[in-house]
PDB file of N, CA and C in Angstrom:
ATOM      1  N   UNK A   1     165.154 132.708 -90.559  1.00  0.00           N
ATOM      2  CA  UNK A   1     164.223 131.858 -90.224  1.00  0.00           C
ATOM      3  C   UNK A   1     163.272 132.072 -88.929  1.00  0.00           C
ATOM      4  N   UNK A   2     163.786 132.847 -87.890  1.00  0.00           N
ATOM      5  CA  UNK A   2     162.776 133.179 -86.913  1.00  0.00           C
ATOM      6  C   UNK A   2     161.637 134.067 -87.403  1.00  0.00           C
ATOM      7  N   UNK A   3     162.104 134.946 -88.239  1.00  0.00           N
ATOM      8  CA  UNK A   3     160.984 135.817 -88.735  1.00  0.00           C
ATOM      9  C   UNK A   3     159.979 134.997 -89.547  1.00  0.00           C
ATOM     10  N   UNK A   4     160.273 134.140 -90.323  1.00  0.00           N
ATOM     11  CA  UNK A   4     159.424 133.366 -91.214  1.00  0.00           C
ATOM     12  C   UNK A   4     158.547 132.342 -90.115  1.00  0.00           C
ATOM     13  N   UNK A   5     159.166 131.951 -89.229  1.00  0.00           N
ATOM     14  CA  UNK A   5     158.285 131.176 -88.113  1.00  0.00           C
ATOM     15  C   UNK A   5     157.343 131.964 -87.553  1.00  0.00           C
ATOM     16  N   UNK A   6     157.843 133.265 -86.971  1.00  0.00           N
ATOM     17  CA  UNK A   6     156.887 134.149 -86.559  1.00  0.00           C
ATOM     18  C   UNK A   6     155.701 134.518 -87.373  1.00  0.00           C
ATOM     19  N   UNK A   7     155.980 134.728 -88.730  1.00  0.00           N
ATOM     20  CA  UNK A   7     154.991 135.015 -89.635  1.00  0.00           C
ATOM     21  C   UNK A   7     153.922 134.009 -89.684  1.00  0.00           C
ATOM     22  N   UNK A   8     154.505 132.747 -89.821  1.00  0.00           N
ATOM     23  CA  UNK A   8     153.661 131.636 -90.139  1.00  0.00           C
ATOM     24  C   UNK A   8     152.844 131.404 -88.698  1.00  0.00           C
ATOM     25  N   UNK A   9     153.270 131.692 -87.517  1.00  0.00           N
ATOM     26  CA  UNK A   9     152.631 131.569 -86.431  1.00  0.00           C
ATOM     27  C   UNK A   9     151.424 132.571 -86.376  1.00  0.00           C
ATOM     28  N   UNK A  10     151.715 133.850 -86.946  1.00  0.00           N
ATOM     29  CA  UNK A  10     150.671 134.783 -86.903  1.00  0.00           C
ATOM     30  C   UNK A  10     149.649 134.328 -87.872  1.00  0.00           C
ATOM     31  N   UNK A  11     149.978 133.726 -88.863  1.00  0.00           N
ATOM     32  CA  UNK A  11     148.920 133.433 -89.948  1.00  0.00           C
ATOM     33  C   UNK A  11     148.074 132.282 -89.383  1.00  0.00           C
ATOM     34  N   UNK A  12     148.612 131.300 -88.685  1.00  0.00           N
ATOM     35  CA  UNK A  12     147.983 130.297 -88.105  1.00  0.00           C
ATOM     36  C   UNK A  12     147.038 130.993 -86.929  1.00  0.00           C
ATOM     37  N   UNK A  13     147.545 131.736 -86.286  1.00  0.00           N
ATOM     38  CA  UNK A  13     146.614 132.497 -85.165  1.00  0.00           C
ATOM     39  C   UNK A  13     145.441 133.010 -85.826  1.00  0.00           C
ATOM     40  N   UNK A  14     145.683 133.913 -86.797  1.00  0.00           N
ATOM     41  CA  UNK A  14     144.574 134.637 -87.462  1.00  0.00           C
ATOM     42  C   UNK A  14     143.461 133.670 -88.083  1.00  0.00           C
ATOM     43  N   UNK A  15     143.992 132.566 -88.726  1.00  0.00           N
ATOM     44  CA  UNK A  15     143.033 131.441 -89.149  1.00  0.00           C
ATOM     45  C   UNK A  15     142.233 130.812 -88.039  1.00  0.00           C
ATOM     46  N   UNK A  16     142.851 130.660 -86.936  1.00  0.00           N
ATOM     47  CA  UNK A  16     142.273 130.008 -85.731  1.00  0.00           C
ATOM     48  C   UNK A  16     141.179 130.944 -85.188  1.00  0.00           C
ATOM     49  N   UNK A  17     141.488 132.262 -85.115  1.00  0.00           N
ATOM     50  CA  UNK A  17     140.591 133.293 -84.627  1.00  0.00           C
ATOM     51  C   UNK A  17     139.354 133.239 -85.524  1.00  0.00           C
ATOM     52  N   UNK A  18     139.539 133.248 -86.937  1.00  0.00           N
ATOM     53  CA  UNK A  18     138.280 133.271 -87.905  1.00  0.00           C
ATOM     54  C   UNK A  18     137.560 132.068 -87.653  1.00  0.00           C
ATOM     55  N   UNK A  19     138.275 130.827 -87.471  1.00  0.00           N
ATOM     56  CA  UNK A  19     137.452 129.444 -87.277  1.00  0.00           C
ATOM     57  C   UNK A  19     136.773 129.690 -85.999  1.00  0.00           C
ATOM     58  N   UNK A  20     137.179 130.352 -84.904  1.00  0.00           N
ATOM     59  CA  UNK A  20     136.473 130.578 -83.547  1.00  0.00           C
ATOM     60  C   UNK A  20     135.203 131.313 -83.862  1.00  0.00           C
ATOM     61  N   UNK A  21     135.386 132.396 -84.552  1.00  0.00           N
ATOM     62  CA  UNK A  21     134.413 133.250 -84.908  1.00  0.00           C
ATOM     63  C   UNK A  21     133.212 132.683 -85.652  1.00  0.00           C
ATOM     64  N   UNK A  22     133.649 131.793 -86.625  1.00  0.00           N
ATOM     65  CA  UNK A  22     132.579 131.026 -87.329  1.00  0.00           C
ATOM     66  C   UNK A  22     131.738 130.145 -86.420  1.00  0.00           C
ATOM     67  N   UNK A  23     132.508 129.451 -85.592  1.00  0.00           N
ATOM     68  CA  UNK A  23     131.937 128.603 -84.580  1.00  0.00           C
ATOM     69  C   UNK A  23     131.138 129.133 -83.540  1.00  0.00           C
ATOM     70  N   UNK A  24     131.455 130.332 -83.062  1.00  0.00           N
ATOM     71  CA  UNK A  24     130.681 131.215 -82.286  1.00  0.00           C
ATOM     72  C   UNK A  24     129.340 131.577 -82.883  1.00  0.00           C
ATOM     73  N   UNK A  25     129.470 131.646 -84.235  1.00  0.00           N
ATOM     74  CA  UNK A  25     128.239 132.204 -85.098  1.00  0.00           C
ATOM     75  C   UNK A  25     127.298 130.977 -85.168  1.00  0.00           C
ATOM     76  N   UNK A  26     127.840 129.758 -85.563  1.00  0.00           N
ATOM     77  CA  UNK A  26     127.156 128.641 -85.503  1.00  0.00           C
ATOM     78  C   UNK A  26     126.372 128.306 -84.316  1.00  0.00           C
ATOM     79  N   UNK A  27     127.118 128.331 -83.160  1.00  0.00           N
ATOM     80  CA  UNK A  27     126.653 128.100 -81.826  1.00  0.00           C
ATOM     81  C   UNK A  27     125.377 128.879 -81.511  1.00  0.00           C
ATOM     82  N   UNK A  28     125.585 130.226 -81.950  1.00  0.00           N
ATOM     83  CA  UNK A  28     124.330 131.277 -81.738  1.00  0.00           C
ATOM     84  C   UNK A  28     123.211 130.959 -82.577  1.00  0.00           C
ATOM     85  N   UNK A  29     123.380 130.413 -83.827  1.00  0.00           N
ATOM     86  CA  UNK A  29     122.368 130.135 -84.750  1.00  0.00           C
ATOM     87  C   UNK A  29     121.714 128.917 -84.131  1.00  0.00           C
ATOM     88  N   UNK A  30     122.267 127.962 -83.629  1.00  0.00           N
ATOM     89  CA  UNK A  30     121.795 126.660 -83.193  1.00  0.00           C
ATOM     90  C   UNK A  30     121.101 126.830 -82.047  1.00  0.00           C
ATOM     91  N   UNK A  31     121.530 127.891 -81.084  1.00  0.00           N
ATOM     92  CA  UNK A  31     120.730 128.144 -79.879  1.00  0.00           C
ATOM     93  C   UNK A  31     119.585 128.871 -80.189  1.00  0.00           C
ATOM     94  N   UNK A  32     119.512 129.682 -81.260  1.00  0.00           N
ATOM     95  CA  UNK A  32     118.177 130.398 -81.549  1.00  0.00           C
ATOM     96  C   UNK A  32     117.295 129.308 -82.192  1.00  0.00           C
ATOM     97  N   UNK A  33     117.807 128.358 -82.814  1.00  0.00           N
ATOM     98  CA  UNK A  33     116.849 127.381 -83.488  1.00  0.00           C
ATOM     99  C   UNK A  33     116.171 126.458 -82.276  1.00  0.00           C
ATOM    100  N   UNK A  34     117.124 126.132 -81.356  1.00  0.00           N
ATOM    101  CA  UNK A  34     116.678 125.551 -80.039  1.00  0.00           C
ATOM    102  C   UNK A  34     115.618 126.172 -79.374  1.00  0.00           C
ATOM    103  N   UNK A  35     115.889 127.542 -79.242  1.00  0.00           N
ATOM    104  CA  UNK A  35     114.711 128.352 -78.543  1.00  0.00           C
ATOM    105  C   UNK A  35     113.589 128.299 -79.361  1.00  0.00           C
ATOM    106  N   UNK A  36     113.559 128.413 -80.770  1.00  0.00           N
ATOM    107  CA  UNK A  36     112.414 128.473 -81.698  1.00  0.00           C
ATOM    108  C   UNK A  36     111.509 127.200 -81.408  1.00  0.00           C
ATOM    109  N   UNK A  37     112.361 126.075 -81.341  1.00  0.00           N
ATOM    110  CA  UNK A  37     111.760 124.793 -81.192  1.00  0.00           C
ATOM    111  C   UNK A  37     111.091 124.538 -80.062  1.00  0.00           C
ATOM    112  N   UNK A  38     111.687 125.101 -78.926  1.00  0.00           N
ATOM    113  CA  UNK A  38     111.030 124.935 -77.557  1.00  0.00           C
ATOM    114  C   UNK A  38     109.884 125.749 -77.439  1.00  0.00           C
ATOM    115  N   UNK A  39     109.723 126.889 -78.286  1.00  0.00           N
ATOM    116  CA  UNK A  39     108.470 127.840 -78.317  1.00  0.00           C
ATOM    117  C   UNK A  39     107.269 127.222 -78.889  1.00  0.00           C
ATOM    118  N   UNK A  40     107.777 126.219 -79.853  1.00  0.00           N
ATOM    119  CA  UNK A  40     106.485 125.752 -80.627  1.00  0.00           C
ATOM    120  C   UNK A  40     105.479 125.068 -79.768  1.00  0.00           C
ATOM    121  N   UNK A  41     104.428 125.110 -80.243  1.00  0.00           N
ATOM    122  CA  UNK A  41     103.249 124.322 -79.490  1.00  0.00           C
ATOM    123  C   UNK A  41     102.424 123.538 -80.622  1.00  0.00           C
ATOM    124  N   UNK A  42     102.358 122.110 -80.359  1.00  0.00           N
ATOM    125  CA  UNK A  42     103.187 121.397 -79.331  1.00  0.00           C
ATOM    126  C   UNK A  42     104.584 121.223 -79.773  1.00  0.00           C
ATOM    127  N   UNK A  43     105.418 121.057 -78.728  1.00  0.00           N
ATOM    128  CA  UNK A  43     106.726 120.834 -78.919  1.00  0.00           C
ATOM    129  C   UNK A  43     107.155 119.594 -79.695  1.00  0.00           C
ATOM    130  N   UNK A  44     108.081 119.521 -80.429  1.00  0.00           N
ATOM    131  CA  UNK A  44     108.555 118.374 -81.134  1.00  0.00           C
ATOM    132  C   UNK A  44     109.794 117.967 -80.301  1.00  0.00           C
ATOM    133  N   UNK A  45     109.535 116.936 -79.354  1.00  0.00           N
ATOM    134  CA  UNK A  45     110.465 116.554 -78.482  1.00  0.00           C
ATOM    135  C   UNK A  45     111.772 115.911 -79.198  1.00  0.00           C
ATOM    136  N   UNK A  46     111.566 115.123 -80.294  1.00  0.00           N
ATOM    137  CA  UNK A  46     112.714 114.584 -80.982  1.00  0.00           C
ATOM    138  C   UNK A  46     113.583 115.757 -81.608  1.00  0.00           C
ATOM    139  N   UNK A  47     112.994 116.603 -82.264  1.00  0.00           N
ATOM    140  CA  UNK A  47     113.761 117.895 -82.720  1.00  0.00           C
ATOM    141  C   UNK A  47     114.426 118.523 -81.637  1.00  0.00           C
ATOM    142  N   UNK A  48     113.792 118.901 -80.573  1.00  0.00           N
ATOM    143  CA  UNK A  48     114.444 119.585 -79.548  1.00  0.00           C
ATOM    144  C   UNK A  48     115.614 118.641 -79.012  1.00  0.00           C
ATOM    145  N   UNK A  49     115.411 117.438 -78.835  1.00  0.00           N
ATOM    146  CA  UNK A  49     116.643 116.681 -78.220  1.00  0.00           C
ATOM    147  C   UNK A  49     117.653 116.619 -79.343  1.00  0.00           C
ATOM    148  N   UNK A  50     117.395 116.562 -80.468  1.00  0.00           N
ATOM    149  CA  UNK A  50     118.497 116.549 -81.515  1.00  0.00           C
ATOM    150  C   UNK A  50     119.211 117.958 -81.607  1.00  0.00           C
ATOM    151  N   UNK A  51     118.515 119.026 -81.397  1.00  0.00           N
ATOM    152  CA  UNK A  51     118.923 120.300 -81.530  1.00  0.00           C
ATOM    153  C   UNK A  51     119.860 120.489 -80.139  1.00  0.00           C
ATOM    154  N   UNK A  52     119.469 119.885 -79.145  1.00  0.00           N
ATOM    155  CA  UNK A  52     120.188 120.041 -77.880  1.00  0.00           C
ATOM    156  C   UNK A  52     121.521 119.501 -78.092  1.00  0.00           C
ATOM    157  N   UNK A  53     121.460 118.431 -78.640  1.00  0.00           N
ATOM    158  CA  UNK A  53     122.778 117.760 -78.868  1.00  0.00           C
ATOM    159  C   UNK A  53     123.643 118.394 -79.780  1.00  0.00           C
ATOM    160  N   UNK A  54     123.135 118.997 -80.921  1.00  0.00           N
ATOM    161  CA  UNK A  54     123.816 119.962 -81.805  1.00  0.00           C
ATOM    162  C   UNK A  54     124.373 121.042 -80.984  1.00  0.00           C
ATOM    163  N   UNK A  55     123.633 121.838 -80.127  1.00  0.00           N
ATOM    164  CA  UNK A  55     124.076 122.723 -79.306  1.00  0.00           C
ATOM    165  C   UNK A  55     125.474 122.371 -78.243  1.00  0.00           C
ATOM    166  N   UNK A  56     125.206 121.056 -77.766  1.00  0.00           N
ATOM    167  CA  UNK A  56     126.346 120.632 -76.901  1.00  0.00           C
ATOM    168  C   UNK A  56     127.631 120.387 -77.827  1.00  0.00           C
ATOM    169  N   UNK A  57     127.468 119.867 -78.973  1.00  0.00           N
ATOM    170  CA  UNK A  57     128.574 119.685 -79.786  1.00  0.00           C
ATOM    171  C   UNK A  57     129.332 120.924 -80.258  1.00  0.00           C
ATOM    172  N   UNK A  58     128.327 121.993 -80.582  1.00  0.00           N
ATOM    173  CA  UNK A  58     128.913 123.343 -80.821  1.00  0.00           C
ATOM    174  C   UNK A  58     129.721 123.787 -79.832  1.00  0.00           C
ATOM    175  N   UNK A  59     129.170 123.567 -78.439  1.00  0.00           N
ATOM    176  CA  UNK A  59     129.916 124.182 -77.272  1.00  0.00           C
ATOM    177  C   UNK A  59     131.329 123.538 -77.257  1.00  0.00           C
ATOM    178  N   UNK A  60     131.363 121.953 -77.393  1.00  0.00           N
ATOM    179  CA  UNK A  60     132.563 121.438 -77.185  1.00  0.00           C
ATOM    180  C   UNK A  60     133.545 121.854 -78.295  1.00  0.00           C
ATOM    181  N   UNK A  61     133.114 121.876 -79.525  1.00  0.00           N
ATOM    182  CA  UNK A  61     133.985 122.252 -80.744  1.00  0.00           C
ATOM    183  C   UNK A  61     134.550 123.749 -80.341  1.00  0.00           C
ATOM    184  N   UNK A  62     133.805 124.625 -79.983  1.00  0.00           N
ATOM    185  CA  UNK A  62     133.975 126.060 -79.674  1.00  0.00           C
ATOM    186  C   UNK A  62     135.034 126.046 -78.462  1.00  0.00           C
ATOM    187  N   UNK A  63     134.816 125.328 -77.694  1.00  0.00           N
ATOM    188  CA  UNK A  63     135.956 125.066 -76.498  1.00  0.00           C
ATOM    189  C   UNK A  63     137.183 124.717 -76.962  1.00  0.00           C
ATOM    190  N   UNK A  64     137.235 123.766 -77.837  1.00  0.00           N
ATOM    191  CA  UNK A  64     138.439 123.243 -78.349  1.00  0.00           C
ATOM    192  C   UNK A  64     139.113 124.291 -79.256  1.00  0.00           C
ATOM    193  N   UNK A  65     138.372 125.192 -80.070  1.00  0.00           N
ATOM    194  CA  UNK A  65     138.872 126.307 -80.906  1.00  0.00           C
ATOM    195  C   UNK A  65     139.457 127.254 -79.800  1.00  0.00           C
ATOM    196  N   UNK A  66     138.904 127.416 -78.739  1.00  0.00           N
ATOM    197  CA  UNK A  66     139.418 128.429 -77.745  1.00  0.00           C
ATOM    198  C   UNK A  66     140.794 128.138 -77.419  1.00  0.00           C
ATOM    199  N   UNK A  67     140.990 126.707 -77.184  1.00  0.00           N
ATOM    200  CA  UNK A  67     142.152 126.324 -76.733  1.00  0.00           C
ATOM    201  C   UNK A  67     143.208 126.586 -77.884  1.00  0.00           C
ATOM    202  N   UNK A  68     142.931 126.160 -78.957  1.00  0.00           N
ATOM    203  CA  UNK A  68     143.746 126.301 -80.082  1.00  0.00           C
ATOM    204  C   UNK A  68     144.228 127.864 -80.293  1.00  0.00           C
ATOM    205  N   UNK A  69     143.277 128.824 -80.099  1.00  0.00           N
ATOM    206  CA  UNK A  69     143.605 130.058 -80.315  1.00  0.00           C
ATOM    207  C   UNK A  69     144.621 130.565 -79.181  1.00  0.00           C
ATOM    208  N   UNK A  70     144.307 130.114 -77.995  1.00  0.00           N
ATOM    209  CA  UNK A  70     145.192 130.431 -76.814  1.00  0.00           C
ATOM    210  C   UNK A  70     146.661 130.021 -77.188  1.00  0.00           C
ATOM    211  N   UNK A  71     146.727 128.689 -77.712  1.00  0.00           N
ATOM    212  CA  UNK A  71     147.869 128.028 -77.997  1.00  0.00           C
ATOM    213  C   UNK A  71     148.935 128.830 -79.070  1.00  0.00           C
ATOM    214  N   UNK A  72     148.012 129.305 -80.062  1.00  0.00           N
ATOM    215  CA  UNK A  72     148.822 130.083 -81.135  1.00  0.00           C
ATOM    216  C   UNK A  72     149.116 131.351 -80.752  1.00  0.00           C
ATOM    217  N   UNK A  73     148.354 131.914 -79.697  1.00  0.00           N
ATOM    218  CA  UNK A  73     148.722 133.190 -78.980  1.00  0.00           C
ATOM    219  C   UNK A  73     150.121 133.010 -78.256  1.00  0.00           C
ATOM    220  N   UNK A  74     150.088 131.928 -77.553  1.00  0.00           N
ATOM    221  CA  UNK A  74     151.305 131.754 -76.856  1.00  0.00           C
ATOM    222  C   UNK A  74     152.607 131.437 -77.780  1.00  0.00           C
ATOM    223  N   UNK A  75     152.328 130.681 -78.807  1.00  0.00           N
ATOM    224  CA  UNK A  75     153.370 130.613 -79.791  1.00  0.00           C
ATOM    225  C   UNK A  75     153.839 131.831 -80.352  1.00  0.00           C
ATOM    226  N   UNK A  76     152.849 132.613 -80.810  1.00  0.00           N
ATOM    227  CA  UNK A  76     153.198 134.039 -81.397  1.00  0.00           C
ATOM    228  C   UNK A  76     154.132 134.824 -80.301  1.00  0.00           C
ATOM    229  N   UNK A  77     153.769 134.776 -79.100  1.00  0.00           N
ATOM    230  CA  UNK A  77     154.369 135.395 -78.182  1.00  0.00           C
ATOM    231  C   UNK A  77     155.764 134.747 -77.984  1.00  0.00           C
ATOM    232  N   UNK A  78     156.021 133.643 -78.039  1.00  0.00           N
ATOM    233  CA  UNK A  78     157.174 132.974 -77.894  1.00  0.00           C
ATOM    234  C   UNK A  78     158.161 133.330 -79.060  1.00  0.00           C
ATOM    235  N   UNK A  79     157.589 133.172 -80.196  1.00  0.00           N
ATOM    236  CA  UNK A  79     158.366 133.355 -81.413  1.00  0.00           C
ATOM    237  C   UNK A  79     158.714 134.844 -81.866  1.00  0.00           C
ATOM    238  N   UNK A  80     157.789 135.770 -81.529  1.00  0.00           N
ATOM    239  CA  UNK A  80     157.768 137.159 -81.999  1.00  0.00           C
ATOM    240  C   UNK A  80     158.218 138.185 -81.228  1.00  0.00           C
ATOM    241  N   UNK A  81     158.172 137.901 -79.751  1.00  0.00           N
ATOM    242  CA  UNK A  81     158.383 138.954 -78.949  1.00  0.00           C
ATOM    243  C   UNK A  81     160.089 139.471 -79.102  1.00  0.00           C
ATOM    244  N   UNK A  82     160.855 138.580 -79.185  1.00  0.00           N
ATOM    245  CA  UNK A  82     162.330 138.966 -79.177  1.00  0.00           C
ATOM    246  C   UNK A  82     162.805 139.569 -80.487  1.00  0.00           C
ATOM    247  N   UNK A  83     162.036 139.462 -81.440  1.00  0.00           N
ATOM    248  CA  UNK A  83     162.397 139.839 -82.949  1.00  0.00           C
ATOM    249  C   UNK A  83     162.432 141.361 -82.981  1.00  0.00           C
ATOM    250  N   UNK A  84     163.437 141.784 -83.774  1.00  0.00           N
ATOM    251  CA  UNK A  84     163.470 143.255 -83.842  1.00  0.00           C
ATOM    252  C   UNK A  84     162.445 143.676 -84.546  1.00  0.00           C
TER     253      UNK A  84
END
């Protein structure tokens, strides 16, 4: 049973890492869109404000994903380190 728990934790860790990677990509894309909007003349204030909110949400979600990855890393450590 401990081996199965270890493998399950490793799978969840890998899934969390992939999710984090996708969220990082989303943040990068949204930041690029924001930079593009700010560079336009004349600037579209409403669009810039909306994109700034999107970037802020992306950052919060990414922060939560980083916490999730850390939690699964700790779980893998706890479950797998003592296995043969």
